[in-house]
Amino acid sequence: MDVYYDLLFPSQVETRVIAHRAGGADGPENTVRGVEIAIAEGAYGSETDIQRTSDGHYVINHDATFERLTGSPRKPSELTLAQVKELRLKESGEPIPTLEEMLDASKGKIVLFVELKGETADRQMADDAVRMVRERQMTDEVVLISLNYDLIDYIESTYPEMQTGFLAWLAYGNTASLHCDYLGLEAESATTSVIESIHNQDKLALVWTPNTISEQEHFFCSEADAIITDNVAQAADVRTQLSKRSDLERLLDELLQGPV
């Protein structure tokens, strides 16, 4: 009975934690130091965003411009790499890293989820990103993700050794049959039935961005494979507390599992 009980109501949380924008709220956004903090906090992965500069290099930035983080209203595509390297984050003084620097910081330590972002997200970006990953022998340590399904389909077809993820704003139609390894869903769309359908297609379910304790508890007790969160240290604490649940608490969590 004890064996079957543990199988039905596991005490250990299997859902992995991925830091949003490098280190989440615990580190400077989309920086090497952010990745280092995510590593120190024991995160499985670190998610980041790449855009192409005017001279063909790839730098880390989420927004369309550098305005919010550095005060510069310019787009990455309007600046050379040298000009981007002159920028500093307003709050921390950190420089804007390149994709190569983020790869080197994460190699052998954490899985890097690289979102192909913005107006320069195209096949050239995909080709260049794969080349950098291959050069570092990191195909098992990087997942290329995007909101653009055609781009993910291109990577899957051209570079089958690469791991990919499609970020779907809403779950509609037969999304589980899409050509990718991960299917990323907003928390509101990641219902038990949707996650089950993703698993039935031999894909992994990725949920973003559960930041509250209640949201994290919910998805840690679900069948989600990973969450992307800003609150990485908090998530680690929630996982620890869940692992200490009594048999009755585990049973109740399973029975009461439902929408956030």
C-alpha atoms as a PDB file:
ATOM      1  CA  MET A   1       0.000   0.000   0.000  1.00  0.00           C
ATOM      2  CA  ASP A   2       2.830   2.416   0.824  1.00  0.00           C
ATOM      3  CA  VAL A   3       4.409   1.797  -2.595  1.00  0.00           C
ATOM      4  CA  TYR A   4       1.180   2.439  -4.514  1.00  0.00           C
ATOM      5  CA  TYR A   5       0.355   5.441  -2.343  1.00  0.00           C
ATOM      6  CA  ASP A   6       3.668   7.106  -3.228  1.00  0.00           C
ATOM      7  CA  LEU A   7       3.049   6.426  -6.914  1.00  0.00           C
ATOM      8  CA  LEU A   8      -0.437   7.913  -6.795  1.00  0.00           C
ATOM      9  CA  PHE A   9       0.381  10.779  -4.440  1.00  0.00           C
ATOM     10  CA  PRO A  10       4.124  11.529  -4.785  1.00  0.00           C
ATOM     11  CA  SER A  11       5.827  13.442  -2.019  1.00  0.00           C
ATOM     12  CA  GLN A  12       8.536  14.919  -4.224  1.00  0.00           C
ATOM     13  CA  VAL A  13       7.750  17.739  -6.652  1.00  0.00           C
ATOM     14  CA  GLU A  14       8.857  16.835 -10.179  1.00  0.00           C
ATOM     15  CA  THR A  15       7.961  20.148 -11.834  1.00  0.00           C
ATOM     16  CA  ARG A  16      11.138  22.076 -12.656  1.00  0.00           C
ATOM     17  CA  VAL A  17      11.849  25.769 -12.082  1.00  0.00           C
ATOM     18  CA  ILE A  18      13.047  28.095 -14.841  1.00  0.00           C
ATOM     19  CA  ALA A  19      14.103  31.650 -13.999  1.00  0.00           C
ATOM     20  CA  HIS A  20      12.311  34.294 -16.089  1.00  0.00           C
ATOM     21  CA  ARG A  21      14.580  36.742 -17.977  1.00  0.00           C
ATOM     22  CA  ALA A  22      17.807  35.178 -16.685  1.00  0.00           C
ATOM     23  CA  GLY A  23      17.480  35.332 -12.890  1.00  0.00           C
ATOM     24  CA  GLY A  24      13.907  36.414 -12.363  1.00  0.00           C
ATOM     25  CA  ALA A  25      13.333  39.128  -9.776  1.00  0.00           C
ATOM     26  CA  ASP A  26      16.350  37.887  -7.812  1.00  0.00           C
ATOM     27  CA  GLY A  27      18.930  39.168 -10.319  1.00  0.00           C
ATOM     28  CA  PRO A  28      19.425  41.968 -12.867  1.00  0.00           C
ATOM     29  CA  GLU A  29      17.137  41.312 -15.831  1.00  0.00           C
ATOM     30  CA  ASN A  30      18.667  39.440 -18.782  1.00  0.00           C
ATOM     31  CA  THR A  31      22.268  39.622 -17.571  1.00  0.00           C
ATOM     32  CA  VAL A  32      25.088  37.178 -16.955  1.00  0.00           C
ATOM     33  CA  ARG A  33      24.808  37.919 -13.247  1.00  0.00           C
ATOM     34  CA  GLY A  34      21.135  37.014 -13.431  1.00  0.00           C
ATOM     35  CA  VAL A  35      22.038  33.592 -14.844  1.00  0.00           C
ATOM     36  CA  GLU A  36      24.640  33.136 -12.119  1.00  0.00           C
ATOM     37  CA  ILE A  37      22.024  33.893  -9.460  1.00  0.00           C
ATOM     38  CA  ALA A  38      19.601  31.397 -11.016  1.00  0.00           C
ATOM     39  CA  ILE A  39      22.355  28.782 -10.915  1.00  0.00           C
ATOM     40  CA  ALA A  40      23.125  29.571  -7.271  1.00  0.00           C
ATOM     41  CA  GLU A  41      19.433  29.225  -6.395  1.00  0.00           C
ATOM     42  CA  GLY A  42      19.287  25.774  -7.947  1.00  0.00           C
ATOM     43  CA  ALA A  43      17.021  26.570 -10.902  1.00  0.00           C
ATOM     44  CA  TYR A  44      16.812  23.941 -13.623  1.00  0.00           C
ATOM     45  CA  GLY A  45      16.740  26.553 -16.361  1.00  0.00           C
ATOM     46  CA  SER A  46      17.141  30.216 -17.212  1.00  0.00           C
ATOM     47  CA  GLU A  47      14.994  31.903 -19.873  1.00  0.00           C
ATOM     48  CA  THR A  48      16.356  34.819 -21.892  1.00  0.00           C
ATOM     49  CA  ASP A  49      15.627  36.860 -25.048  1.00  0.00           C
ATOM     50  CA  ILE A  50      17.857  37.542 -28.049  1.00  0.00           C
ATOM     51  CA  GLN A  51      17.676  40.234 -30.735  1.00  0.00           C
ATOM     52  CA  ARG A  52      20.026  41.063 -33.628  1.00  0.00           C
ATOM     53  CA  THR A  53      22.101  44.231 -33.825  1.00  0.00           C
ATOM     54  CA  SER A  54      22.626  46.280 -36.982  1.00  0.00           C
ATOM     55  CA  ASP A  55      25.968  44.545 -37.574  1.00  0.00           C
ATOM     56  CA  GLY A  56      24.641  41.014 -37.141  1.00  0.00           C
ATOM     57  CA  HIS A  57      25.418  40.181 -33.506  1.00  0.00           C
ATOM     58  CA  TYR A  58      22.959  38.844 -30.935  1.00  0.00           C
ATOM     59  CA  VAL A  59      22.335  40.665 -27.680  1.00  0.00           C
ATOM     60  CA  ILE A  60      20.013  40.043 -24.761  1.00  0.00           C
ATOM     61  CA  ASN A  61      16.935  42.251 -24.423  1.00  0.00           C
ATOM     62  CA  HIS A  62      13.234  41.589 -23.928  1.00  0.00           C
ATOM     63  CA  ASP A  63      11.603  44.868 -25.017  1.00  0.00           C
ATOM     64  CA  ALA A  64      11.541  46.419 -28.482  1.00  0.00           C
ATOM     65  CA  THR A  65      13.989  49.094 -27.250  1.00  0.00           C
ATOM     66  CA  PHE A  66      16.508  49.559 -24.431  1.00  0.00           C
ATOM     67  CA  GLU A  67      14.429  52.383 -22.921  1.00  0.00           C
ATOM     68  CA  ARG A  68      13.107  50.632 -19.819  1.00  0.00           C
ATOM     69  CA  LEU A  69      16.362  49.067 -18.704  1.00  0.00           C
ATOM     70  CA  THR A  70      18.998  51.566 -19.818  1.00  0.00           C
ATOM     71  CA  GLY A  71      17.180  54.789 -20.762  1.00  0.00           C
ATOM     72  CA  SER A  72      18.160  54.473 -24.434  1.00  0.00           C
ATOM     73  CA  PRO A  73      15.167  54.699 -26.792  1.00  0.00           C
ATOM     74  CA  ARG A  74      17.021  52.815 -29.549  1.00  0.00           C
ATOM     75  CA  LYS A  75      16.223  49.327 -30.804  1.00  0.00           C
ATOM     76  CA  PRO A  76      18.892  46.600 -30.851  1.00  0.00           C
ATOM     77  CA  SER A  77      18.577  46.566 -34.660  1.00  0.00           C
ATOM     78  CA  GLU A  78      19.485  50.284 -34.743  1.00  0.00           C
ATOM     79  CA  LEU A  79      22.760  49.837 -32.858  1.00  0.00           C
ATOM     80  CA  THR A  80      26.047  48.078 -33.492  1.00  0.00           C
ATOM     81  CA  LEU A  81      27.389  45.643 -30.929  1.00  0.00           C
ATOM     82  CA  ALA A  82      29.954  48.236 -29.838  1.00  0.00           C
ATOM     83  CA  GLN A  83      27.179  50.756 -29.209  1.00  0.00           C
ATOM     84  CA  VAL A  84      25.115  48.224 -27.244  1.00  0.00           C
ATOM     85  CA  LYS A  85      28.166  47.451 -25.111  1.00  0.00           C
ATOM     86  CA  GLU A  86      28.304  51.090 -24.040  1.00  0.00           C
ATOM     87  CA  LEU A  87      24.849  50.788 -22.409  1.00  0.00           C
ATOM     88  CA  ARG A  88      24.370  49.971 -18.741  1.00  0.00           C
ATOM     89  CA  LEU A  89      21.307  48.895 -16.781  1.00  0.00           C
ATOM     90  CA  LYS A  90      19.987  51.853 -14.790  1.00  0.00           C
ATOM     91  CA  GLU A  91      19.488  49.966 -11.538  1.00  0.00           C
ATOM     92  CA  SER A  92      22.537  47.702 -11.407  1.00  0.00           C
ATOM     93  CA  GLY A  93      25.108  49.111 -13.821  1.00  0.00           C
ATOM     94  CA  GLU A  94      25.327  45.727 -15.561  1.00  0.00           C
ATOM     95  CA  PRO A  95      26.245  45.625 -19.276  1.00  0.00           C
ATOM     96  CA  ILE A  96      24.017  44.118 -21.961  1.00  0.00           C
ATOM     97  CA  PRO A  97      25.389  40.626 -22.664  1.00  0.00           C
ATOM     98  CA  THR A  98      25.667  38.786 -25.957  1.00  0.00           C
ATOM     99  CA  LEU A  99      24.202  35.372 -26.610  1.00  0.00           C
ATOM    100  CA  GLU A 100      27.719  33.941 -26.579  1.00  0.00           C
ATOM    101  CA  GLU A 101      28.312  35.318 -23.087  1.00  0.00           C
ATOM    102  CA  MET A 102      25.052  33.836 -21.817  1.00  0.00           C
ATOM    103  CA  LEU A 103      25.870  30.461 -23.331  1.00  0.00           C
ATOM    104  CA  ASP A 104      29.329  30.453 -21.767  1.00  0.00           C
ATOM    105  CA  ALA A 105      27.897  31.402 -18.360  1.00  0.00           C
ATOM    106  CA  SER A 106      25.320  28.609 -18.445  1.00  0.00           C
ATOM    107  CA  LYS A 107      27.374  25.768 -19.990  1.00  0.00           C
ATOM    108  CA  GLY A 108      27.414  22.724 -17.738  1.00  0.00           C
ATOM    109  CA  LYS A 109      25.443  24.538 -15.024  1.00  0.00           C
ATOM    110  CA  ILE A 110      21.914  25.311 -16.187  1.00  0.00           C
ATOM    111  CA  VAL A 111      19.653  24.807 -19.211  1.00  0.00           C
ATOM    112  CA  LEU A 112      19.278  28.009 -21.222  1.00  0.00           C
ATOM    113  CA  PHE A 113      15.870  28.660 -22.781  1.00  0.00           C
ATOM    114  CA  VAL A 114      16.588  31.169 -25.572  1.00  0.00           C
ATOM    115  CA  GLU A 115      13.620  33.076 -26.968  1.00  0.00           C
ATOM    116  CA  LEU A 116      14.064  34.322 -30.544  1.00  0.00           C
ATOM    117  CA  LYS A 117      12.556  37.753 -30.043  1.00  0.00           C
ATOM    118  CA  GLY A 118      11.165  40.740 -31.875  1.00  0.00           C
ATOM    119  CA  GLU A 119      11.395  42.035 -35.415  1.00  0.00           C
ATOM    120  CA  THR A 120      14.749  40.350 -36.119  1.00  0.00           C
ATOM    121  CA  ALA A 121      13.506  36.864 -35.163  1.00  0.00           C
ATOM    122  CA  ASP A 122      13.898  35.045 -38.477  1.00  0.00           C
ATOM    123  CA  ARG A 123      15.612  32.043 -40.024  1.00  0.00           C
ATOM    124  CA  GLN A 124      18.957  33.826 -39.994  1.00  0.00           C
ATOM    125  CA  MET A 125      18.628  34.249 -36.237  1.00  0.00           C
ATOM    126  CA  ALA A 126      17.742  30.581 -35.889  1.00  0.00           C
ATOM    127  CA  ASP A 127      20.693  29.496 -38.048  1.00  0.00           C
ATOM    128  CA  ASP A 128      23.121  31.702 -36.138  1.00  0.00           C
ATOM    129  CA  ALA A 129      21.841  30.601 -32.728  1.00  0.00           C
ATOM    130  CA  VAL A 130      22.150  26.925 -33.657  1.00  0.00           C
ATOM    131  CA  ARG A 131      25.693  27.518 -34.924  1.00  0.00           C
ATOM    132  CA  MET A 132      26.730  29.090 -31.602  1.00  0.00           C
ATOM    133  CA  VAL A 133      25.133  26.249 -29.645  1.00  0.00           C
ATOM    134  CA  ARG A 134      26.829  23.618 -31.798  1.00  0.00           C
ATOM    135  CA  GLU A 135      30.213  25.320 -31.497  1.00  0.00           C
ATOM    136  CA  ARG A 136      29.946  24.944 -27.714  1.00  0.00           C
ATOM    137  CA  GLN A 137      28.551  21.405 -27.889  1.00  0.00           C
ATOM    138  CA  MET A 138      25.476  22.534 -25.961  1.00  0.00           C
ATOM    139  CA  THR A 139      22.611  21.009 -27.956  1.00  0.00           C
ATOM    140  CA  ASP A 140      21.462  19.184 -24.801  1.00  0.00           C
ATOM    141  CA  GLU A 141      21.713  22.358 -22.682  1.00  0.00           C
ATOM    142  CA  VAL A 142      19.739  24.833 -24.815  1.00  0.00           C
ATOM    143  CA  VAL A 143      16.072  25.073 -25.798  1.00  0.00           C
ATOM    144  CA  LEU A 144      15.171  27.514 -28.582  1.00  0.00           C
ATOM    145  CA  ILE A 145      11.710  29.007 -28.018  1.00  0.00           C
ATOM    146  CA  SER A 146       9.510  31.509 -29.835  1.00  0.00           C
ATOM    147  CA  LEU A 147       6.010  32.923 -30.212  1.00  0.00           C
ATOM    148  CA  ASN A 148       6.472  32.393 -33.971  1.00  0.00           C
ATOM    149  CA  TYR A 149       5.435  28.818 -34.743  1.00  0.00           C
ATOM    150  CA  ASP A 150       6.762  28.913 -38.323  1.00  0.00           C
ATOM    151  CA  LEU A 151      10.215  29.642 -36.906  1.00  0.00           C
ATOM    152  CA  ILE A 152      10.006  26.759 -34.442  1.00  0.00           C
ATOM    153  CA  ASP A 153       8.803  24.444 -37.208  1.00  0.00           C
ATOM    154  CA  TYR A 154      11.791  25.541 -39.319  1.00  0.00           C
ATOM    155  CA  ILE A 155      14.245  24.724 -36.511  1.00  0.00           C
ATOM    156  CA  GLU A 156      12.610  21.334 -35.873  1.00  0.00           C
ATOM    157  CA  SER A 157      12.780  20.458 -39.576  1.00  0.00           C
ATOM    158  CA  THR A 158      16.291  21.779 -40.232  1.00  0.00           C
ATOM    159  CA  TYR A 159      18.008  20.996 -36.939  1.00  0.00           C
ATOM    160  CA  PRO A 160      16.252  17.944 -35.445  1.00  0.00           C
ATOM    161  CA  GLU A 161      18.906  17.622 -32.750  1.00  0.00           C
ATOM    162  CA  MET A 162      17.844  20.944 -31.213  1.00  0.00           C
ATOM    163  CA  GLN A 163      15.256  21.203 -28.451  1.00  0.00           C
ATOM    164  CA  THR A 164      12.451  23.660 -29.207  1.00  0.00           C
ATOM    165  CA  GLY A 165       9.451  25.245 -27.554  1.00  0.00           C
ATOM    166  CA  PHE A 166       6.442  27.084 -28.957  1.00  0.00           C
ATOM    167  CA  LEU A 167       4.946  29.737 -26.680  1.00  0.00           C
ATOM    168  CA  ALA A 168       1.193  29.839 -27.191  1.00  0.00           C
ATOM    169  CA  TRP A 169      -0.669  32.840 -25.770  1.00  0.00           C
ATOM    170  CA  LEU A 170      -3.868  30.808 -25.726  1.00  0.00           C
ATOM    171  CA  ALA A 171      -4.588  27.090 -25.917  1.00  0.00           C
ATOM    172  CA  TYR A 172      -6.768  26.621 -28.992  1.00  0.00           C
ATOM    173  CA  GLY A 173      -7.253  23.805 -31.470  1.00  0.00           C
ATOM    174  CA  ASN A 174      -4.978  20.777 -31.398  1.00  0.00           C
ATOM    175  CA  THR A 175      -1.911  22.617 -30.071  1.00  0.00           C
ATOM    176  CA  ALA A 176      -0.481  19.386 -28.662  1.00  0.00           C
ATOM    177  CA  SER A 177       0.160  18.147 -32.214  1.00  0.00           C
ATOM    178  CA  LEU A 178       2.448  21.061 -33.084  1.00  0.00           C
ATOM    179  CA  HIS A 179       6.013  20.334 -34.174  1.00  0.00           C
ATOM    180  CA  CYS A 180       8.056  21.130 -31.025  1.00  0.00           C
ATOM    181  CA  ASP A 181       9.423  19.591 -27.820  1.00  0.00           C
ATOM    182  CA  TYR A 182       7.895  22.019 -25.314  1.00  0.00           C
ATOM    183  CA  LEU A 183       4.536  23.721 -25.502  1.00  0.00           C
ATOM    184  CA  GLY A 184       4.509  26.866 -23.374  1.00  0.00           C
ATOM    185  CA  LEU A 185       1.214  28.106 -21.957  1.00  0.00           C
ATOM    186  CA  GLU A 186       0.108  31.027 -19.847  1.00  0.00           C
ATOM    187  CA  ALA A 187      -1.025  29.903 -16.411  1.00  0.00           C
ATOM    188  CA  GLU A 188      -4.681  30.610 -17.209  1.00  0.00           C
ATOM    189  CA  SER A 189      -4.576  28.205 -20.167  1.00  0.00           C
ATOM    190  CA  ALA A 190      -2.644  25.398 -18.484  1.00  0.00           C
ATOM    191  CA  THR A 191      -5.569  23.281 -17.332  1.00  0.00           C
ATOM    192  CA  THR A 192      -5.268  19.645 -16.360  1.00  0.00           C
ATOM    193  CA  SER A 193      -6.848  18.502 -19.628  1.00  0.00           C
ATOM    194  CA  VAL A 194      -4.572  20.694 -21.764  1.00  0.00           C
ATOM    195  CA  ILE A 195      -1.450  19.433 -19.992  1.00  0.00           C
ATOM    196  CA  GLU A 196      -2.676  15.853 -20.410  1.00  0.00           C
ATOM    197  CA  SER A 197      -3.196  16.358 -24.148  1.00  0.00           C
ATOM    198  CA  ILE A 198       0.345  17.773 -24.451  1.00  0.00           C
ATOM    199  CA  HIS A 199       1.770  14.709 -22.708  1.00  0.00           C
ATOM    200  CA  ASN A 200      -0.287  12.409 -24.923  1.00  0.00           C
ATOM    201  CA  GLN A 201       1.649  13.859 -27.872  1.00  0.00           C
ATOM    202  CA  ASP A 202       4.974  13.136 -26.111  1.00  0.00           C
ATOM    203  CA  LYS A 203       5.628  16.818 -25.480  1.00  0.00           C
ATOM    204  CA  LEU A 204       6.540  18.726 -22.338  1.00  0.00           C
ATOM    205  CA  ALA A 205       4.242  21.310 -20.781  1.00  0.00           C
ATOM    206  CA  LEU A 206       5.827  24.628 -19.823  1.00  0.00           C
ATOM    207  CA  VAL A 207       3.827  27.200 -17.820  1.00  0.00           C
ATOM    208  CA  TRP A 208       4.626  30.913 -17.491  1.00  0.00           C
ATOM    209  CA  THR A 209       4.698  32.910 -15.220  1.00  0.00           C
ATOM    210  CA  PRO A 210       3.354  31.564 -11.892  1.00  0.00           C
ATOM    211  CA  ASN A 211       4.726  34.117  -9.419  1.00  0.00           C
ATOM    212  CA  THR A 212       2.494  33.874  -6.367  1.00  0.00           C
ATOM    213  CA  ILE A 213       2.827  31.169  -3.738  1.00  0.00           C
ATOM    214  CA  SER A 214      -0.644  29.823  -4.517  1.00  0.00           C
ATOM    215  CA  GLU A 215       0.091  29.630  -8.257  1.00  0.00           C
ATOM    216  CA  GLN A 216       3.388  27.866  -7.657  1.00  0.00           C
ATOM    217  CA  GLU A 217       1.795  25.399  -5.255  1.00  0.00           C
ATOM    218  CA  HIS A 218      -0.900  24.698  -7.835  1.00  0.00           C
ATOM    219  CA  PHE A 219       1.480  23.892 -10.662  1.00  0.00           C
ATOM    220  CA  PHE A 220       3.928  22.007  -8.468  1.00  0.00           C
ATOM    221  CA  CYS A 221       1.007  19.722  -7.593  1.00  0.00           C
ATOM    222  CA  SER A 222       0.015  19.435 -11.265  1.00  0.00           C
ATOM    223  CA  GLU A 223       1.504  17.430 -14.129  1.00  0.00           C
ATOM    224  CA  ALA A 224       3.282  20.502 -15.569  1.00  0.00           C
ATOM    225  CA  ASP A 225       6.890  19.713 -16.482  1.00  0.00           C
ATOM    226  CA  ALA A 226       8.273  23.170 -15.697  1.00  0.00           C
ATOM    227  CA  ILE A 227       7.278  26.685 -14.707  1.00  0.00           C
ATOM    228  CA  ILE A 228       8.936  29.942 -15.748  1.00  0.00           C
ATOM    229  CA  THR A 229       8.811  32.306 -12.785  1.00  0.00           C
ATOM    230  CA  ASP A 230      10.211  35.605 -11.579  1.00  0.00           C
ATOM    231  CA  ASN A 231      10.290  34.369  -7.977  1.00  0.00           C
ATOM    232  CA  VAL A 232      12.869  31.597  -8.111  1.00  0.00           C
ATOM    233  CA  ALA A 233      13.940  31.564  -4.458  1.00  0.00           C
ATOM    234  CA  GLN A 234      10.310  31.574  -3.379  1.00  0.00           C
ATOM    235  CA  ALA A 235       9.591  28.657  -5.711  1.00  0.00           C
ATOM    236  CA  ALA A 236      12.444  26.697  -4.124  1.00  0.00           C
ATOM    237  CA  ASP A 237      10.922  27.297  -0.692  1.00  0.00           C
ATOM    238  CA  VAL A 238       7.479  26.216  -1.912  1.00  0.00           C
ATOM    239  CA  ARG A 239       8.953  23.000  -3.345  1.00  0.00           C
ATOM    240  CA  THR A 240      10.687  22.281  -0.039  1.00  0.00           C
ATOM    241  CA  GLN A 241       7.503  22.779   1.957  1.00  0.00           C
ATOM    242  CA  LEU A 242       5.501  20.578  -0.406  1.00  0.00           C
ATOM    243  CA  SER A 243       8.052  17.791  -0.037  1.00  0.00           C
ATOM    244  CA  LYS A 244       7.346  17.802   3.709  1.00  0.00           C
ATOM    245  CA  ARG A 245       3.598  17.205   3.355  1.00  0.00           C
ATOM    246  CA  SER A 246       1.924  14.484   5.350  1.00  0.00           C
ATOM    247  CA  ASP A 247       0.178  11.587   3.591  1.00  0.00           C
ATOM    248  CA  LEU A 248      -3.197  13.222   4.191  1.00  0.00           C
ATOM    249  CA  GLU A 249      -2.035  16.571   2.825  1.00  0.00           C
ATOM    250  CA  ARG A 250      -0.725  14.889  -0.331  1.00  0.00           C
ATOM    251  CA  LEU A 251      -4.051  13.128  -0.814  1.00  0.00           C
ATOM    252  CA  LEU A 252      -6.036  16.340  -0.347  1.00  0.00           C
ATOM    253  CA  ASP A 253      -3.764  18.291  -2.734  1.00  0.00           C
ATOM    254  CA  GLU A 254      -4.348  15.658  -5.405  1.00  0.00           C
ATOM    255  CA  LEU A 255      -8.100  15.534  -4.907  1.00  0.00           C
ATOM    256  CA  LEU A 256      -8.494  19.310  -4.806  1.00  0.00           C
ATOM    257  CA  GLN A 257      -6.231  19.977  -7.801  1.00  0.00           C
ATOM    258  CA  GLY A 258      -8.030  22.306 -10.227  1.00  0.00           C
ATOM    259  CA  PRO A 259      -7.765  25.645 -12.039  1.00  0.00           C
ATOM    260  CA  VAL A 260      -5.662  28.357 -10.435  1.00  0.00           C
END
